[in-house]
Amino acid sequence: MTQGLFITLEGGDGSGKTTQAALLQEWLESEGRTVVRTREPGGTPFGVEVREIVLHSREHITPRAEALLYAADRAHHVATVVRPALERGEVVLQDRYLDSSVAYQGAGRVLDAAEVRDLSLWAAEGLLPDLTILLDLDEDAARRRLDAANKRFDRLEAEKAEFHRRVREAYLGLAEAEADRFLVVDASLPPEEIAKVIRERLAAAGVGRTA
């Protein structure tokens, strides 16, 4: 059986994760891999309910409660979607995972980053991605993208620039600390150039036949 592969996409809001996930899914499937594309929160019916609470609740949610809600979704999602797919030898391509919690709840909400990471690892029973793609974009450029899209901001997108600056710095710190797991890509590049960098990294690791 083909070995399962767990790939996550991380980055600030507006960094282009959805676009790159679609391009990567297309390439992986052209290489003969079965892809399960999912996200956190929202990858299960339970996750959809959690997503509505953490992103759109009109009531104030304390930082610790927010972190626990994400962890609850992660525990259920990993147990019911991610691990079963990996055991079937499929590629799990996921928008956000535990690094988001460390960046957004740890740095953004100014909680203890190590405690947030430990909580996430406990929820996921220690599961780490094989590759984490960090789409790095200056927070001001990301805000301009979001403004241009003319969409309704969720609770996190609506936070001030300083919040998003802390998130970006946390992401870059995580990538530096775990350089073997992370691929950091300049998200200001054209989408096809970003996709090529990602394909080359995966091809170098023996995933797929061509880059």
N, C-alpha and C. Protein backbone atom coordinates (compact mmCIF):
# COMPACT_ATOMS: atom_id res chain seq x y z
N MET A 1 0.84 -1.20 0.00
CA MET A 1 0.00 0.00 0.00
C MET A 1 0.88 1.25 0.00
N THR A 2 0.47 2.27 -0.77
CA THR A 2 1.18 3.54 -0.78
C THR A 2 1.10 4.17 0.61
N GLN A 3 2.22 4.73 1.04
CA GLN A 3 2.25 5.35 2.36
C GLN A 3 1.43 6.64 2.37
N GLY A 4 0.68 6.84 3.44
CA GLY A 4 -0.08 8.07 3.58
C GLY A 4 0.84 9.26 3.76
N LEU A 5 0.32 10.43 3.42
CA LEU A 5 1.11 11.66 3.50
C LEU A 5 0.23 12.76 4.06
N PHE A 6 0.73 13.46 5.06
CA PHE A 6 -0.02 14.51 5.73
C PHE A 6 0.65 15.85 5.44
N ILE A 7 -0.06 16.70 4.66
CA ILE A 7 0.45 18.01 4.28
C ILE A 7 -0.49 19.08 4.82
N THR A 8 0.07 20.07 5.49
CA THR A 8 -0.76 21.17 5.98
C THR A 8 -0.31 22.48 5.34
N LEU A 9 -1.26 23.38 5.18
CA LEU A 9 -0.97 24.72 4.67
C LEU A 9 -1.27 25.72 5.78
N GLU A 10 -0.30 26.58 6.03
CA GLU A 10 -0.43 27.58 7.08
C GLU A 10 -0.11 28.96 6.53
N GLY A 11 -0.49 29.97 7.28
CA GLY A 11 -0.22 31.34 6.90
C GLY A 11 -1.33 32.24 7.39
N GLY A 12 -1.07 33.52 7.36
CA GLY A 12 -2.08 34.48 7.80
C GLY A 12 -3.26 34.52 6.86
N ASP A 13 -4.33 35.14 7.32
CA ASP A 13 -5.52 35.31 6.48
C ASP A 13 -5.15 36.14 5.25
N GLY A 14 -5.58 35.66 4.08
CA GLY A 14 -5.27 36.37 2.84
C GLY A 14 -3.98 35.93 2.18
N SER A 15 -3.33 34.89 2.71
CA SER A 15 -2.04 34.46 2.15
C SER A 15 -2.17 33.54 0.94
N GLY A 16 -3.37 33.07 0.65
CA GLY A 16 -3.57 32.26 -0.55
C GLY A 16 -3.59 30.77 -0.33
N LYS A 17 -3.91 30.32 0.87
CA LYS A 17 -3.92 28.89 1.16
C LYS A 17 -4.93 28.12 0.31
N THR A 18 -6.12 28.68 0.14
CA THR A 18 -7.16 27.99 -0.63
C THR A 18 -6.72 27.78 -2.08
N THR A 19 -6.13 28.80 -2.67
CA THR A 19 -5.64 28.69 -4.05
C THR A 19 -4.57 27.62 -4.17
N GLN A 20 -3.61 27.62 -3.26
CA GLN A 20 -2.52 26.65 -3.34
C GLN A 20 -3.00 25.23 -3.02
N ALA A 21 -3.97 25.11 -2.14
CA ALA A 21 -4.51 23.78 -1.85
C ALA A 21 -5.16 23.19 -3.11
N ALA A 22 -5.88 24.01 -3.84
CA ALA A 22 -6.54 23.54 -5.07
C ALA A 22 -5.51 23.14 -6.12
N LEU A 23 -4.47 23.94 -6.30
CA LEU A 23 -3.43 23.63 -7.28
C LEU A 23 -2.67 22.37 -6.89
N LEU A 24 -2.38 22.24 -5.61
CA LEU A 24 -1.64 21.06 -5.14
C LEU A 24 -2.48 19.80 -5.25
N GLN A 25 -3.75 19.90 -4.93
CA GLN A 25 -4.63 18.75 -5.09
C GLN A 25 -4.67 18.28 -6.54
N GLU A 26 -4.78 19.22 -7.46
CA GLU A 26 -4.82 18.89 -8.89
C GLU A 26 -3.55 18.15 -9.31
N TRP A 27 -2.40 18.64 -8.86
CA TRP A 27 -1.13 18.00 -9.23
C TRP A 27 -1.00 16.61 -8.61
N LEU A 28 -1.32 16.50 -7.33
CA LEU A 28 -1.20 15.20 -6.66
C LEU A 28 -2.10 14.15 -7.32
N GLU A 29 -3.31 14.55 -7.66
CA GLU A 29 -4.23 13.61 -8.31
C GLU A 29 -3.73 13.25 -9.71
N SER A 30 -3.08 14.19 -10.40
CA SER A 30 -2.51 13.88 -11.71
C SER A 30 -1.35 12.91 -11.59
N GLU A 31 -0.75 12.85 -10.40
CA GLU A 31 0.33 11.91 -10.13
C GLU A 31 -0.18 10.58 -9.58
N GLY A 32 -1.48 10.42 -9.56
CA GLY A 32 -2.06 9.15 -9.17
C GLY A 32 -2.37 8.99 -7.70
N ARG A 33 -2.28 10.06 -6.93
CA ARG A 33 -2.56 9.97 -5.50
C ARG A 33 -4.02 10.31 -5.21
N THR A 34 -4.57 9.64 -4.21
CA THR A 34 -5.91 9.97 -3.72
C THR A 34 -5.75 11.04 -2.64
N VAL A 35 -6.46 12.15 -2.80
CA VAL A 35 -6.30 13.30 -1.92
C VAL A 35 -7.57 13.53 -1.11
N VAL A 36 -7.41 13.66 0.19
CA VAL A 36 -8.49 14.10 1.08
C VAL A 36 -8.19 15.54 1.44
N ARG A 37 -8.98 16.45 0.93
CA ARG A 37 -8.76 17.87 1.20
C ARG A 37 -9.71 18.31 2.31
N THR A 38 -9.13 18.89 3.35
CA THR A 38 -9.94 19.21 4.51
C THR A 38 -9.40 20.48 5.17
N ARG A 39 -10.02 20.86 6.28
CA ARG A 39 -9.60 22.09 6.95
C ARG A 39 -9.93 22.01 8.42
N GLU A 40 -9.29 22.90 9.18
CA GLU A 40 -9.61 23.07 10.59
C GLU A 40 -9.80 24.56 10.88
N PRO A 41 -10.87 24.86 11.61
CA PRO A 41 -11.99 23.97 11.91
C PRO A 41 -12.92 23.86 10.71
N GLY A 42 -13.75 22.83 10.71
CA GLY A 42 -14.76 22.70 9.66
C GLY A 42 -14.63 21.47 8.80
N GLY A 43 -13.75 20.54 9.14
CA GLY A 43 -13.57 19.35 8.33
C GLY A 43 -14.53 18.23 8.63
N THR A 44 -15.38 18.41 9.62
CA THR A 44 -16.40 17.43 9.99
C THR A 44 -17.67 18.22 10.33
N PRO A 45 -18.83 17.55 10.42
CA PRO A 45 -20.03 18.26 10.86
C PRO A 45 -19.85 18.94 12.22
N PHE A 46 -19.19 18.24 13.13
CA PHE A 46 -18.89 18.85 14.43
C PHE A 46 -17.99 20.07 14.24
N GLY A 47 -17.00 19.95 13.36
CA GLY A 47 -16.09 21.05 13.10
C GLY A 47 -16.77 22.26 12.50
N VAL A 48 -17.79 22.03 11.69
CA VAL A 48 -18.55 23.15 11.12
C VAL A 48 -19.22 23.94 12.24
N GLU A 49 -19.74 23.25 13.23
CA GLU A 49 -20.37 23.93 14.36
C GLU A 49 -19.34 24.70 15.17
N VAL A 50 -18.17 24.08 15.40
CA VAL A 50 -17.10 24.78 16.12
C VAL A 50 -16.65 26.01 15.34
N ARG A 51 -16.52 25.86 14.03
CA ARG A 51 -16.08 26.98 13.18
C ARG A 51 -17.04 28.17 13.31
N GLU A 52 -18.32 27.89 13.33
CA GLU A 52 -19.30 28.96 13.45
C GLU A 52 -19.13 29.70 14.78
N ILE A 53 -18.83 28.95 15.83
CA ILE A 53 -18.65 29.57 17.15
C ILE A 53 -17.39 30.42 17.19
N VAL A 54 -16.24 29.82 16.81
CA VAL A 54 -14.96 30.53 17.00
C VAL A 54 -14.77 31.68 16.02
N LEU A 55 -15.40 31.61 14.85
CA LEU A 55 -15.18 32.66 13.86
C LEU A 55 -16.30 33.68 13.78
N HIS A 56 -17.51 33.31 14.23
CA HIS A 56 -18.64 34.20 14.01
C HIS A 56 -19.50 34.47 15.24
N SER A 57 -19.10 33.97 16.40
CA SER A 57 -19.88 34.21 17.60
C SER A 57 -19.97 35.70 17.90
N ARG A 58 -21.16 36.16 18.25
CA ARG A 58 -21.32 37.57 18.63
C ARG A 58 -20.93 37.81 20.08
N GLU A 59 -20.80 36.74 20.83
CA GLU A 59 -20.40 36.85 22.23
C GLU A 59 -18.89 36.77 22.33
N HIS A 60 -18.31 37.51 23.27
CA HIS A 60 -16.87 37.45 23.49
C HIS A 60 -16.47 36.05 23.94
N ILE A 61 -15.42 35.52 23.34
CA ILE A 61 -14.88 34.22 23.73
C ILE A 61 -13.51 34.47 24.33
N THR A 62 -13.29 34.00 25.54
CA THR A 62 -12.00 34.22 26.18
C THR A 62 -10.93 33.43 25.43
N PRO A 63 -9.66 33.89 25.47
CA PRO A 63 -8.59 33.22 24.73
C PRO A 63 -8.44 31.74 25.07
N ARG A 64 -8.54 31.38 26.35
CA ARG A 64 -8.38 29.96 26.72
C ARG A 64 -9.55 29.14 26.19
N ALA A 65 -10.75 29.68 26.27
CA ALA A 65 -11.91 28.96 25.73
C ALA A 65 -11.76 28.77 24.22
N GLU A 66 -11.27 29.79 23.54
CA GLU A 66 -11.04 29.69 22.10
C GLU A 66 -10.05 28.58 21.79
N ALA A 67 -8.94 28.54 22.53
CA ALA A 67 -7.93 27.51 22.31
C ALA A 67 -8.50 26.11 22.55
N LEU A 68 -9.34 25.98 23.56
CA LEU A 68 -9.93 24.68 23.86
C LEU A 68 -10.93 24.25 22.79
N LEU A 69 -11.65 25.19 22.23
CA LEU A 69 -12.59 24.86 21.15
C LEU A 69 -11.83 24.34 19.93
N TYR A 70 -10.74 25.00 19.57
CA TYR A 70 -9.93 24.52 18.44
C TYR A 70 -9.36 23.13 18.74
N ALA A 71 -8.93 22.91 19.97
CA ALA A 71 -8.36 21.61 20.33
C ALA A 71 -9.43 20.51 20.27
N ALA A 72 -10.64 20.83 20.70
CA ALA A 72 -11.72 19.84 20.64
C ALA A 72 -12.01 19.45 19.19
N ASP A 73 -12.06 20.44 18.32
CA ASP A 73 -12.26 20.15 16.90
C ASP A 73 -11.12 19.30 16.37
N ARG A 74 -9.90 19.63 16.76
CA ARG A 74 -8.72 18.90 16.26
C ARG A 74 -8.74 17.45 16.69
N ALA A 75 -9.09 17.20 17.93
CA ALA A 75 -9.14 15.82 18.41
C ALA A 75 -10.13 14.98 17.60
N HIS A 76 -11.30 15.53 17.36
CA HIS A 76 -12.33 14.80 16.62
C HIS A 76 -11.93 14.65 15.15
N HIS A 77 -11.41 15.70 14.57
CA HIS A 77 -11.03 15.69 13.16
C HIS A 77 -9.92 14.69 12.88
N VAL A 78 -8.89 14.68 13.70
CA VAL A 78 -7.78 13.74 13.50
C VAL A 78 -8.26 12.30 13.63
N ALA A 79 -9.10 12.06 14.64
CA ALA A 79 -9.56 10.69 14.89
C ALA A 79 -10.49 10.18 13.80
N THR A 80 -11.31 11.06 13.23
CA THR A 80 -12.35 10.59 12.31
C THR A 80 -12.04 10.83 10.83
N VAL A 81 -11.12 11.74 10.53
CA VAL A 81 -10.83 12.05 9.12
C VAL A 81 -9.36 11.81 8.79
N VAL A 82 -8.45 12.42 9.54
CA VAL A 82 -7.05 12.44 9.15
C VAL A 82 -6.39 11.07 9.28
N ARG A 83 -6.43 10.48 10.47
CA ARG A 83 -5.77 9.18 10.67
C ARG A 83 -6.36 8.09 9.77
N PRO A 84 -7.68 7.98 9.65
CA PRO A 84 -8.22 6.95 8.74
C PRO A 84 -7.73 7.11 7.31
N ALA A 85 -7.64 8.34 6.82
CA ALA A 85 -7.16 8.57 5.45
C ALA A 85 -5.69 8.18 5.32
N LEU A 86 -4.88 8.54 6.30
CA LEU A 86 -3.46 8.18 6.26
C LEU A 86 -3.28 6.67 6.30
N GLU A 87 -4.09 6.01 7.09
CA GLU A 87 -4.01 4.55 7.16
C GLU A 87 -4.41 3.88 5.85
N ARG A 88 -5.24 4.56 5.05
CA ARG A 88 -5.61 4.05 3.73
C ARG A 88 -4.55 4.37 2.67
N GLY A 89 -3.50 5.08 3.07
CA GLY A 89 -2.45 5.43 2.14
C GLY A 89 -2.73 6.67 1.32
N GLU A 90 -3.67 7.49 1.75
CA GLU A 90 -4.06 8.67 1.00
C GLU A 90 -3.25 9.89 1.44
N VAL A 91 -3.37 10.95 0.65
CA VAL A 91 -2.74 12.23 1.00
C VAL A 91 -3.79 13.11 1.66
N VAL A 92 -3.52 13.54 2.87
CA VAL A 92 -4.38 14.50 3.54
C VAL A 92 -3.80 15.88 3.31
N LEU A 93 -4.57 16.73 2.66
CA LEU A 93 -4.16 18.09 2.33
C LEU A 93 -5.05 19.03 3.14
N GLN A 94 -4.46 19.64 4.15
CA GLN A 94 -5.29 20.33 5.15
C GLN A 94 -4.94 21.80 5.32
N ASP A 95 -5.99 22.61 5.31
CA ASP A 95 -5.88 24.04 5.55
C ASP A 95 -5.94 24.27 7.06
N ARG A 96 -4.79 24.59 7.64
CA ARG A 96 -4.58 24.87 9.06
C ARG A 96 -4.55 23.60 9.91
N TYR A 97 -3.65 23.66 10.90
CA TYR A 97 -3.52 22.56 11.87
C TYR A 97 -2.96 23.17 13.15
N LEU A 98 -2.18 22.42 13.88
CA LEU A 98 -1.78 22.88 15.22
C LEU A 98 -0.91 24.13 15.20
N ASP A 99 -0.16 24.35 14.11
CA ASP A 99 0.66 25.56 14.05
C ASP A 99 -0.20 26.81 14.05
N SER A 100 -1.42 26.71 13.50
CA SER A 100 -2.34 27.84 13.57
C SER A 100 -2.70 28.18 15.00
N SER A 101 -2.91 27.15 15.82
CA SER A 101 -3.25 27.40 17.22
C SER A 101 -2.10 28.08 17.95
N VAL A 102 -0.87 27.61 17.68
CA VAL A 102 0.28 28.22 18.35
C VAL A 102 0.42 29.68 17.92
N ALA A 103 0.19 29.96 16.62
CA ALA A 103 0.35 31.32 16.11
C ALA A 103 -0.80 32.22 16.54
N TYR A 104 -2.04 31.77 16.35
CA TYR A 104 -3.20 32.63 16.59
C TYR A 104 -3.58 32.71 18.07
N GLN A 105 -3.66 31.55 18.73
CA GLN A 105 -4.04 31.60 20.15
C GLN A 105 -2.83 31.84 21.04
N GLY A 106 -1.68 31.24 20.68
CA GLY A 106 -0.48 31.44 21.47
C GLY A 106 0.04 32.86 21.36
N ALA A 107 0.41 33.27 20.13
CA ALA A 107 0.97 34.61 19.94
C ALA A 107 -0.10 35.68 19.81
N GLY A 108 -1.10 35.42 18.96
CA GLY A 108 -2.13 36.43 18.73
C GLY A 108 -2.90 36.77 19.98
N ARG A 109 -3.33 35.74 20.71
CA ARG A 109 -4.10 35.95 21.95
C ARG A 109 -3.21 36.07 23.18
N VAL A 110 -1.91 35.98 22.98
CA VAL A 110 -0.92 36.12 24.05
C VAL A 110 -1.13 35.09 25.15
N LEU A 111 -1.30 33.85 24.74
CA LEU A 111 -1.28 32.73 25.67
C LEU A 111 0.11 32.11 25.64
N ASP A 112 0.35 31.14 26.51
CA ASP A 112 1.64 30.45 26.51
C ASP A 112 1.71 29.53 25.30
N ALA A 113 2.62 29.83 24.36
CA ALA A 113 2.68 29.07 23.10
C ALA A 113 2.99 27.60 23.33
N ALA A 114 3.87 27.32 24.30
CA ALA A 114 4.22 25.92 24.58
C ALA A 114 3.02 25.15 25.12
N GLU A 115 2.23 25.80 25.96
CA GLU A 115 1.03 25.14 26.50
C GLU A 115 0.01 24.89 25.39
N VAL A 116 -0.15 25.85 24.49
CA VAL A 116 -1.09 25.68 23.38
C VAL A 116 -0.64 24.53 22.48
N ARG A 117 0.66 24.46 22.21
CA ARG A 117 1.18 23.38 21.38
C ARG A 117 0.99 22.02 22.06
N ASP A 118 1.28 21.97 23.35
CA ASP A 118 1.10 20.71 24.08
C ASP A 118 -0.36 20.27 24.08
N LEU A 119 -1.27 21.23 24.22
CA LEU A 119 -2.70 20.92 24.18
C LEU A 119 -3.07 20.33 22.82
N SER A 120 -2.57 20.94 21.76
CA SER A 120 -2.88 20.45 20.41
C SER A 120 -2.29 19.06 20.18
N LEU A 121 -1.07 18.85 20.62
CA LEU A 121 -0.45 17.53 20.44
C LEU A 121 -1.20 16.47 21.22
N TRP A 122 -1.67 16.82 22.42
CA TRP A 122 -2.47 15.87 23.19
C TRP A 122 -3.76 15.56 22.45
N ALA A 123 -4.41 16.59 21.92
CA ALA A 123 -5.67 16.38 21.20
C ALA A 123 -5.47 15.50 19.97
N ALA A 124 -4.33 15.69 19.30
CA ALA A 124 -4.06 14.95 18.06
C ALA A 124 -3.28 13.67 18.30
N GLU A 125 -3.09 13.30 19.57
CA GLU A 125 -2.32 12.10 19.92
C GLU A 125 -0.94 12.12 19.27
N GLY A 126 -0.34 13.32 19.25
CA GLY A 126 1.05 13.45 18.81
C GLY A 126 1.27 13.53 17.31
N LEU A 127 0.21 13.55 16.52
CA LEU A 127 0.37 13.53 15.07
C LEU A 127 0.89 14.87 14.54
N LEU A 128 2.02 14.82 13.83
CA LEU A 128 2.58 15.99 13.18
C LEU A 128 2.55 15.80 11.66
N PRO A 129 2.44 16.87 10.89
CA PRO A 129 2.44 16.75 9.43
C PRO A 129 3.79 16.27 8.90
N ASP A 130 3.76 15.64 7.73
CA ASP A 130 5.01 15.32 7.04
C ASP A 130 5.61 16.58 6.43
N LEU A 131 4.76 17.48 6.01
CA LEU A 131 5.20 18.75 5.44
C LEU A 131 4.21 19.84 5.80
N THR A 132 4.72 20.97 6.24
CA THR A 132 3.89 22.14 6.50
C THR A 132 4.35 23.26 5.58
N ILE A 133 3.44 23.72 4.72
CA ILE A 133 3.73 24.79 3.77
C ILE A 133 3.27 26.10 4.39
N LEU A 134 4.22 26.98 4.67
CA LEU A 134 3.90 28.28 5.25
C LEU A 134 3.93 29.33 4.16
N LEU A 135 2.78 29.89 3.86
CA LEU A 135 2.67 30.97 2.88
C LEU A 135 2.84 32.28 3.63
N ASP A 136 4.01 32.85 3.50
CA ASP A 136 4.38 34.02 4.30
C ASP A 136 4.06 35.31 3.55
N LEU A 137 3.28 36.17 4.18
CA LEU A 137 2.89 37.43 3.56
C LEU A 137 2.82 38.52 4.62
N ASP A 138 3.38 39.66 4.30
CA ASP A 138 3.30 40.82 5.18
C ASP A 138 1.84 41.10 5.54
N GLU A 139 1.61 41.40 6.81
CA GLU A 139 0.22 41.55 7.29
C GLU A 139 -0.51 42.69 6.60
N ASP A 140 0.20 43.74 6.20
CA ASP A 140 -0.46 44.85 5.50
C ASP A 140 -0.89 44.43 4.10
N ALA A 141 -0.03 43.67 3.43
CA ALA A 141 -0.38 43.17 2.09
C ALA A 141 -1.55 42.20 2.18
N ALA A 142 -1.55 41.38 3.23
CA ALA A 142 -2.66 40.44 3.42
C ALA A 142 -3.97 41.18 3.64
N ARG A 143 -3.94 42.26 4.41
CA ARG A 143 -5.15 43.04 4.65
C ARG A 143 -5.66 43.67 3.36
N ARG A 144 -4.75 44.14 2.53
CA ARG A 144 -5.17 44.72 1.25
C ARG A 144 -5.87 43.67 0.38
N ARG A 145 -5.37 42.44 0.41
CA ARG A 145 -6.02 41.36 -0.33
C ARG A 145 -7.43 41.10 0.20
N LEU A 146 -7.56 41.06 1.50
CA LEU A 146 -8.87 40.81 2.10
C LEU A 146 -9.83 41.94 1.79
N ASP A 147 -9.34 43.17 1.86
CA ASP A 147 -10.19 44.32 1.54
C ASP A 147 -10.66 44.26 0.08
N ALA A 148 -9.76 43.88 -0.81
CA ALA A 148 -10.10 43.81 -2.23
C ALA A 148 -11.14 42.74 -2.51
N ALA A 149 -11.15 41.69 -1.68
CA ALA A 149 -12.11 40.60 -1.87
C ALA A 149 -13.51 40.99 -1.40
N ASN A 150 -13.59 42.09 -0.65
CA ASN A 150 -14.88 42.64 -0.21
C ASN A 150 -15.72 41.60 0.52
N LYS A 151 -15.07 40.84 1.41
CA LYS A 151 -15.78 39.81 2.17
C LYS A 151 -16.01 40.27 3.60
N ARG A 152 -16.97 39.63 4.23
CA ARG A 152 -17.24 39.92 5.64
C ARG A 152 -16.16 39.28 6.50
N PHE A 153 -15.49 40.08 7.32
CA PHE A 153 -14.40 39.56 8.14
C PHE A 153 -14.94 38.72 9.29
N ASP A 154 -14.23 37.60 9.57
CA ASP A 154 -14.58 36.83 10.75
C ASP A 154 -13.85 37.43 11.96
N ARG A 155 -14.00 36.81 13.13
CA ARG A 155 -13.45 37.37 14.36
C ARG A 155 -11.93 37.55 14.30
N LEU A 156 -11.24 36.62 13.66
CA LEU A 156 -9.78 36.70 13.59
C LEU A 156 -9.33 37.67 12.50
N GLU A 157 -9.95 37.62 11.36
CA GLU A 157 -9.60 38.54 10.28
C GLU A 157 -9.78 40.00 10.71
N ALA A 158 -10.76 40.24 11.57
CA ALA A 158 -11.09 41.60 11.99
C ALA A 158 -10.13 42.15 13.05
N GLU A 159 -9.22 41.33 13.55
CA GLU A 159 -8.28 41.82 14.56
C GLU A 159 -7.35 42.87 13.98
N LYS A 160 -6.77 43.68 14.85
CA LYS A 160 -5.91 44.79 14.42
C LYS A 160 -4.57 44.28 13.87
N ALA A 161 -3.85 45.19 13.21
CA ALA A 161 -2.60 44.84 12.55
C ALA A 161 -1.59 44.23 13.52
N GLU A 162 -1.54 44.71 14.75
CA GLU A 162 -0.57 44.19 15.71
C GLU A 162 -0.81 42.72 16.00
N PHE A 163 -2.06 42.32 16.08
CA PHE A 163 -2.41 40.91 16.27
C PHE A 163 -1.82 40.09 15.12
N HIS A 164 -2.06 40.51 13.90
CA HIS A 164 -1.60 39.75 12.74
C HIS A 164 -0.08 39.79 12.61
N ARG A 165 0.54 40.85 13.11
CA ARG A 165 2.00 40.91 13.11
C ARG A 165 2.56 39.85 14.06
N ARG A 166 1.95 39.71 15.22
CA ARG A 166 2.40 38.68 16.16
C ARG A 166 2.21 37.28 15.57
N VAL A 167 1.10 37.09 14.89
CA VAL A 167 0.83 35.79 14.26
C VAL A 167 1.91 35.46 13.24
N ARG A 168 2.23 36.43 12.38
CA ARG A 168 3.24 36.17 11.35
C ARG A 168 4.60 35.87 11.99
N GLU A 169 4.98 36.64 12.98
CA GLU A 169 6.27 36.41 13.63
C GLU A 169 6.31 35.02 14.28
N ALA A 170 5.19 34.60 14.85
CA ALA A 170 5.13 33.28 15.47
C ALA A 170 5.29 32.19 14.42
N TYR A 171 4.63 32.34 13.30
CA TYR A 171 4.76 31.36 12.22
C TYR A 171 6.23 31.23 11.78
N LEU A 172 6.89 32.36 11.58
CA LEU A 172 8.27 32.33 11.12
C LEU A 172 9.18 31.70 12.17
N GLY A 173 8.87 31.94 13.44
CA GLY A 173 9.63 31.30 14.50
C GLY A 173 9.44 29.79 14.52
N LEU A 174 8.22 29.34 14.30
CA LEU A 174 7.95 27.91 14.23
C LEU A 174 8.70 27.27 13.07
N ALA A 175 8.69 27.94 11.92
CA ALA A 175 9.36 27.41 10.74
C ALA A 175 10.87 27.31 10.96
N GLU A 176 11.42 28.29 11.64
CA GLU A 176 12.86 28.25 11.93
C GLU A 176 13.20 27.12 12.89
N ALA A 177 12.34 26.90 13.86
CA ALA A 177 12.59 25.86 14.87
C ALA A 177 12.43 24.45 14.31
N GLU A 178 11.56 24.30 13.30
CA GLU A 178 11.33 22.98 12.71
C GLU A 178 11.52 23.05 11.20
N ALA A 179 12.74 23.43 10.81
CA ALA A 179 13.02 23.68 9.39
C ALA A 179 12.81 22.45 8.52
N ASP A 180 13.02 21.26 9.05
CA ASP A 180 12.86 20.05 8.25
C ASP A 180 11.40 19.80 7.88
N ARG A 181 10.48 20.26 8.74
CA ARG A 181 9.04 20.03 8.47
C ARG A 181 8.44 21.15 7.64
N PHE A 182 8.97 22.33 7.72
CA PHE A 182 8.37 23.50 7.07
C PHE A 182 8.99 23.79 5.70
N LEU A 183 8.16 24.28 4.81
CA LEU A 183 8.58 24.93 3.58
C LEU A 183 7.98 26.33 3.62
N VAL A 184 8.82 27.34 3.69
CA VAL A 184 8.36 28.72 3.73
C VAL A 184 8.42 29.29 2.32
N VAL A 185 7.30 29.82 1.83
CA VAL A 185 7.21 30.35 0.48
C VAL A 185 6.71 31.79 0.55
N ASP A 186 7.31 32.65 -0.24
CA ASP A 186 6.89 34.04 -0.34
C ASP A 186 5.51 34.10 -1.01
N ALA A 187 4.48 34.43 -0.23
CA ALA A 187 3.11 34.40 -0.74
C ALA A 187 2.79 35.59 -1.63
N SER A 188 3.75 36.51 -1.81
CA SER A 188 3.51 37.61 -2.74
C SER A 188 3.84 37.23 -4.18
N LEU A 189 4.45 36.06 -4.37
CA LEU A 189 4.76 35.58 -5.71
C LEU A 189 3.48 35.20 -6.45
N PRO A 190 3.53 35.15 -7.78
CA PRO A 190 2.36 34.68 -8.53
C PRO A 190 1.99 33.25 -8.11
N PRO A 191 0.71 32.92 -8.10
CA PRO A 191 0.27 31.58 -7.63
C PRO A 191 0.98 30.42 -8.31
N GLU A 192 1.20 30.49 -9.62
CA GLU A 192 1.85 29.37 -10.31
C GLU A 192 3.30 29.20 -9.89
N GLU A 193 3.98 30.31 -9.57
CA GLU A 193 5.35 30.21 -9.08
C GLU A 193 5.39 29.55 -7.71
N ILE A 194 4.45 29.92 -6.87
CA ILE A 194 4.36 29.29 -5.54
C ILE A 194 4.09 27.80 -5.70
N ALA A 195 3.15 27.45 -6.56
CA ALA A 195 2.81 26.05 -6.78
C ALA A 195 4.02 25.26 -7.27
N LYS A 196 4.84 25.86 -8.12
CA LYS A 196 6.03 25.18 -8.64
C LYS A 196 7.02 24.90 -7.52
N VAL A 197 7.23 25.86 -6.62
CA VAL A 197 8.13 25.66 -5.49
C VAL A 197 7.65 24.49 -4.63
N ILE A 198 6.35 24.43 -4.40
CA ILE A 198 5.78 23.36 -3.57
C ILE A 198 5.95 22.01 -4.27
N ARG A 199 5.67 21.95 -5.55
CA ARG A 199 5.82 20.69 -6.29
C ARG A 199 7.27 20.21 -6.28
N GLU A 200 8.19 21.14 -6.43
CA GLU A 200 9.61 20.77 -6.43
C GLU A 200 10.03 20.18 -5.10
N ARG A 201 9.53 20.75 -4.01
CA ARG A 201 9.86 20.22 -2.68
C ARG A 201 9.32 18.80 -2.53
N LEU A 202 8.08 18.58 -2.96
CA LEU A 202 7.49 17.25 -2.85
C LEU A 202 8.17 16.25 -3.77
N ALA A 203 8.49 16.69 -4.99
CA ALA A 203 9.17 15.80 -5.93
C ALA A 203 10.54 15.39 -5.39
N ALA A 204 11.25 16.31 -4.75
CA ALA A 204 12.56 16.02 -4.17
C ALA A 204 12.45 14.99 -3.06
N ALA A 205 11.27 14.95 -2.42
CA ALA A 205 11.04 13.99 -1.35
C ALA A 205 10.47 12.67 -1.87
N GLY A 206 10.38 12.55 -3.22
CA GLY A 206 9.91 11.32 -3.82
C GLY A 206 8.42 11.22 -4.00
N VAL A 207 7.73 12.36 -3.87
CA VAL A 207 6.27 12.37 -4.06
C VAL A 207 5.98 12.80 -5.50
N GLY A 208 5.31 11.96 -6.25
CA GLY A 208 4.99 12.28 -7.64
C GLY A 208 6.12 11.93 -8.58
N ARG A 209 5.82 11.95 -9.85
CA ARG A 209 6.80 11.57 -10.87
C ARG A 209 7.49 12.78 -11.48
N THR A 210 6.80 13.92 -11.46
CA THR A 210 7.37 15.11 -12.09
C THR A 210 7.13 16.33 -11.22
N ALA A 211 7.93 17.34 -11.40
CA ALA A 211 7.73 18.61 -10.71
C ALA A 211 7.13 19.62 -11.65
